[in-house]
Structures are given as structure tokens and as C-alpha cells.
Amino acid sequence: WSSDVCSYAQGLSLIRAASEEHKWNVDLSECARLWTGGCIIRAKVLDRIQKAFKENPTLPNLLVDKDFSNEINERSGAWRRVVALC
């Protein structure tokens, strides 16, 4: 779960940066909503991502959203144990 969220956060940050640079005015909440209907990118977490960006359209990164940040922090111990085994 954590790695998926980090991947979404990274991708959405890249989309935001390109949108700002090229003046595309991309709505990240709408991106997440559109992806929920896709055939490749479909995940329940997209509903939560959409909600996070809808509630805070200027959110600089998904990982600083209060709810996502709390969950990532709660799961970091297990994530660290897995990485330590590698």
C-alpha cells in the first residue's frame, strides 16, 4: 500500500510540475477521478486521492496530506523491516 501511494504521489507531483510549467491548469482531483474508470490504473485508493486533492487543490504532494501522512507513518515500521531484509 505504501509503495503504491508513494508512486501515485510521485506521478501526481510530476503532472503538477508540468501543468504549472506549461500553464495547463490540470486538476489533480479530476485526474484521480478519471483514472478510476481506466482499464490499467484502477484502485480504491484513487477515491481517497481524489478526495485529498478536492479538499485541498493546492496540496503540494499527496504525502503531506494529513490522512495519507498518518497512514504512511503507521506503516513505516513494517516497510523498514521489509527493506532491511533485502
Protein backbone atom coordinates (compact mmCIF):
# COMPACT_ATOMS: atom_id res chain seq x y z
CA TRP A 1 0.00 0.00 0.00
CA SER A 2 2.69 2.49 0.99
CA SER A 3 4.71 1.95 -2.17
CA ASP A 4 1.58 2.39 -4.29
CA VAL A 5 0.73 5.66 -2.55
CA CYS A 6 4.31 6.88 -2.98
CA SER A 7 4.12 6.04 -6.69
CA TYR A 8 0.88 7.98 -7.08
CA ALA A 9 2.37 10.89 -5.11
CA GLN A 10 5.43 10.99 -7.36
CA GLY A 11 3.40 10.77 -10.57
CA LEU A 12 0.93 13.42 -9.50
CA SER A 13 3.78 15.72 -8.46
CA LEU A 14 5.26 15.37 -11.95
CA ILE A 15 1.88 16.13 -13.52
CA ARG A 16 1.51 19.19 -11.26
CA ALA A 17 5.01 20.45 -12.18
CA ALA A 18 4.37 20.04 -15.92
CA SER A 19 0.96 21.66 -15.56
CA GLU A 20 2.46 24.68 -13.83
CA GLU A 21 5.34 24.95 -16.30
CA HIS A 22 3.11 24.72 -19.39
CA LYS A 23 0.08 26.54 -17.89
CA TRP A 24 -2.21 23.53 -18.43
CA ASN A 25 -4.23 24.07 -15.24
CA VAL A 26 -4.57 20.33 -14.58
CA ASP A 27 -6.99 19.45 -11.79
CA LEU A 28 -5.32 16.58 -9.90
CA SER A 29 -8.59 15.62 -8.23
CA GLU A 30 -10.12 15.21 -11.67
CA CYS A 31 -7.10 13.14 -12.81
CA ALA A 32 -7.69 10.71 -9.96
CA ARG A 33 -11.40 10.56 -10.76
CA LEU A 34 -10.73 9.82 -14.43
CA TRP A 35 -8.22 7.11 -13.56
CA THR A 36 -10.82 5.25 -11.52
CA GLY A 37 -12.58 4.40 -14.78
CA GLY A 38 -9.44 3.30 -16.59
CA CYS A 39 -8.59 -0.24 -17.58
CA ILE A 40 -5.00 -0.19 -16.29
CA ILE A 41 -4.99 2.24 -13.39
CA ARG A 42 -7.88 1.27 -11.13
CA ALA A 43 -7.61 1.21 -7.38
CA LYS A 44 -9.79 2.07 -4.41
CA VAL A 45 -7.07 4.40 -3.17
CA LEU A 46 -7.85 6.70 -6.11
CA ASP A 47 -11.10 7.69 -4.40
CA ARG A 48 -9.10 8.85 -1.40
CA ILE A 49 -6.56 10.61 -3.63
CA GLN A 50 -9.37 12.43 -5.41
CA LYS A 51 -10.84 13.49 -2.06
CA ALA A 52 -7.48 14.77 -0.80
CA PHE A 53 -6.94 16.99 -3.85
CA LYS A 54 -10.57 18.09 -3.95
CA GLU A 55 -10.38 19.23 -0.31
CA ASN A 56 -7.02 20.91 -0.88
CA PRO A 57 -6.38 21.72 -4.57
CA THR A 58 -3.04 23.36 -3.69
CA LEU A 59 -1.76 20.28 -1.84
CA PRO A 60 1.94 20.26 -2.78
CA ASN A 61 2.27 16.47 -2.54
CA LEU A 62 -0.06 13.64 -1.60
CA LEU A 63 2.34 12.54 1.13
CA VAL A 64 1.76 15.74 3.10
CA ASP A 65 -2.00 15.18 3.22
CA LYS A 66 -2.86 14.56 6.87
CA ASP A 67 -4.65 11.25 6.32
CA PHE A 68 -2.08 9.80 3.92
CA SER A 69 0.82 11.03 6.04
CA ASN A 70 -0.62 9.39 9.15
CA GLU A 71 -1.10 6.05 7.38
CA ILE A 72 2.36 6.10 5.82
CA ASN A 73 3.84 6.80 9.25
CA GLU A 74 1.82 3.99 10.84
CA ARG A 75 3.04 1.53 8.21
CA SER A 76 6.66 2.69 8.08
CA GLY A 77 7.86 0.16 10.68
CA ALA A 78 6.76 -2.80 8.58
CA TRP A 79 8.11 -1.15 5.44
CA ARG A 80 11.51 -0.66 7.10
CA ARG A 81 11.61 -4.30 8.21
CA VAL A 82 10.99 -5.47 4.64
CA VAL A 83 13.67 -3.17 3.26
CA ALA A 84 16.13 -4.35 5.93
CA LEU A 85 15.65 -7.94 4.77
CA CYS A 86 16.76 -7.10 1.23
